[in-house]
Protein backbone atom coordinates (compact mmCIF):
# COMPACT_ATOMS: atom_id res chain seq x y z
CA UNK A 1 200.61 173.99 76.38
CA UNK A 2 200.56 173.61 80.14
CA UNK A 3 197.13 172.93 81.60
CA UNK A 4 196.42 172.86 85.32
CA UNK A 5 193.21 171.53 86.81
CA UNK A 6 191.98 173.21 89.99
CA UNK A 7 190.90 170.69 92.61
CA UNK A 8 188.49 171.63 95.36
CA UNK A 9 189.94 170.29 98.62
CA UNK A 10 188.00 167.79 100.71
CA UNK A 11 186.18 169.47 103.55
CA UNK A 12 185.67 172.72 101.64
CA UNK A 13 183.25 174.85 103.66
CA UNK A 14 182.01 176.56 100.50
CA UNK A 15 181.46 173.47 98.32
CA UNK A 16 180.75 170.82 100.98
CA UNK A 17 178.94 167.78 99.55
CA UNK A 18 178.69 169.44 96.13
CA UNK A 19 182.44 168.84 95.70
CA UNK A 20 181.58 165.27 94.66
CA UNK A 21 179.69 166.50 91.58
CA UNK A 22 182.92 167.17 89.69
CA UNK A 23 183.97 163.54 89.70
CA UNK A 24 180.43 162.19 89.42
CA UNK A 25 179.69 164.24 86.29
CA UNK A 26 183.24 164.17 84.90
CA UNK A 27 184.34 167.80 84.84
CA UNK A 28 186.73 170.15 86.62
CA UNK A 29 185.82 173.07 88.84
CA UNK A 30 188.30 175.17 86.88
CA UNK A 31 191.18 174.81 84.44
CA UNK A 32 194.16 177.14 84.04
CA UNK A 33 195.56 177.54 80.51
CA UNK A 34 197.35 180.34 78.62
CA UNK A 35 197.24 182.74 81.57
CA UNK A 36 193.48 182.35 82.03
CA UNK A 37 191.37 180.48 84.56
CA UNK A 38 188.20 178.95 83.10
CA UNK A 39 185.64 178.35 85.86
CA UNK A 40 182.84 175.86 85.29
CA UNK A 41 179.25 176.88 85.88
CA UNK A 42 178.55 177.36 89.57
CA UNK A 43 175.13 177.09 91.16
CA UNK A 44 173.26 178.05 94.32
CA UNK A 45 173.54 174.71 96.10
CA UNK A 46 174.45 175.05 99.77
CA UNK A 47 177.35 173.09 101.27
CA UNK A 48 174.86 170.59 102.74
CA UNK A 49 173.57 169.83 99.24
CA UNK A 50 170.26 171.70 99.47
CA UNK A 51 169.28 174.32 96.92
CA UNK A 52 168.69 177.84 98.21
CA UNK A 53 165.11 179.01 97.70
CA UNK A 54 165.70 182.61 96.62
CA UNK A 55 167.53 184.03 93.64
CA UNK A 56 169.47 186.31 95.98
CA UNK A 57 170.84 183.41 98.04
CA UNK A 58 171.54 181.28 94.97
CA UNK A 59 173.47 184.17 93.43
CA UNK A 60 175.43 184.75 96.65
CA UNK A 61 176.36 181.05 96.88
CA UNK A 62 177.37 180.83 93.21
CA UNK A 63 179.57 183.92 93.49
CA UNK A 64 181.06 182.62 96.77
CA UNK A 65 182.01 179.42 94.95
CA UNK A 66 183.66 181.41 92.17
CA UNK A 67 185.47 183.47 94.80
CA UNK A 68 186.69 180.28 96.52
CA UNK A 69 188.06 178.87 93.26
CA UNK A 70 189.82 182.17 92.63
CA UNK A 71 191.23 182.13 96.18
CA UNK A 72 192.65 178.65 95.63
CA UNK A 73 194.57 180.12 92.69
CA UNK A 74 195.74 183.21 94.57
CA UNK A 75 193.24 185.49 92.82
CA UNK A 76 190.23 187.57 93.82
CA UNK A 77 187.00 188.61 92.14
CA UNK A 78 188.83 191.53 90.52
CA UNK A 79 190.64 188.98 88.31
CA UNK A 80 187.37 188.15 86.52
CA UNK A 81 187.40 189.24 82.89
CA UNK A 82 184.33 187.50 81.41
CA UNK A 83 181.22 186.08 83.06
CA UNK A 84 178.10 184.43 81.68
CA UNK A 85 175.06 183.71 83.81
CA UNK A 86 172.13 181.49 82.86
CA UNK A 87 168.75 182.39 84.34
CA UNK A 88 165.51 180.48 84.71
CA UNK A 89 162.57 182.90 84.33
CA UNK A 90 165.02 185.74 83.79
CA UNK A 91 162.50 188.58 83.85
CA UNK A 92 161.06 187.50 87.19
CA UNK A 93 164.41 186.89 88.90
CA UNK A 94 166.58 189.61 87.37
CA UNK A 95 165.93 192.22 90.10
CA UNK A 96 167.01 189.86 92.91
CA UNK A 97 169.99 188.62 90.93
CA UNK A 98 171.07 192.18 90.14
CA UNK A 99 170.78 193.24 93.80
CA UNK A 100 172.97 190.37 94.99
CA UNK A 101 175.46 190.87 92.15
CA UNK A 102 175.71 194.58 92.93
CA UNK A 103 176.58 193.82 96.57
CA UNK A 104 179.31 191.33 95.66
CA UNK A 105 180.91 192.42 92.38
CA UNK A 106 182.82 195.69 92.51
CA UNK A 107 184.97 197.56 89.97
CA UNK A 108 186.82 196.75 87.88
CA UNK A 109 183.80 195.00 86.38
CA UNK A 110 184.19 192.01 84.08
CA UNK A 111 182.19 191.69 80.89
CA UNK A 112 178.94 189.89 81.73
CA UNK A 113 176.33 188.20 79.54
CA UNK A 114 172.93 187.15 80.92
CA UNK A 115 171.08 184.36 79.12
CA UNK A 116 167.55 183.18 79.82
CA UNK A 117 167.08 179.40 79.85
CA UNK A 118 164.12 177.08 80.35
CA UNK A 119 165.83 175.08 83.08
CA UNK A 120 169.08 174.03 84.73
CA UNK A 121 170.48 170.67 85.90
CA UNK A 122 168.31 170.33 89.02
CA UNK A 123 164.75 171.47 89.72
CA UNK A 124 164.81 174.60 91.86
CA UNK A 125 168.01 176.03 90.43
CA UNK A 126 167.43 179.57 89.21
CA UNK A 127 170.92 180.68 88.14
CA UNK A 128 174.22 179.20 87.00
CA UNK A 129 177.32 181.35 86.60
CA UNK A 130 180.46 180.51 84.65
CA UNK A 131 183.49 182.77 84.54
CA UNK A 132 186.93 183.39 83.14
CA UNK A 133 189.66 185.10 85.13
CA UNK A 134 193.08 186.37 84.08
CA UNK A 135 196.28 185.83 86.03
CA UNK A 136 198.43 188.92 86.59
CA UNK A 137 201.00 189.38 83.87
CA UNK A 138 204.47 188.24 84.80
CA UNK A 139 206.89 191.04 85.69
CA UNK A 140 208.95 192.08 82.66
């Protein structure tokens, strides 16, 4: 089984200082295996390391990070097949999350599960999004 780890390049405008978290915490941004791309949970931390204050901005940043990982692999958001998002105070933040998601995610829609949680890795984080994308099938 061939496994490929996606590396975020130094100087990434989307990830910025947050790029160092992968090595510091010992995980990959994404891993390609069996025709799928498994994307680690992404959060609403700006490139300068600060956490966005609103659920809308955190959602936009997290989706932009997913989009950047997909771009590095020659894919777009339409390659997403399964997404799970984790939400602090889900009932309070769901309208803002949904509004941002609606602006950024267009058909064909992936499956999507929303899970309420009591907290995420850093205080102030309101959402974390993990995703799986599929590579186009090879020509037959």
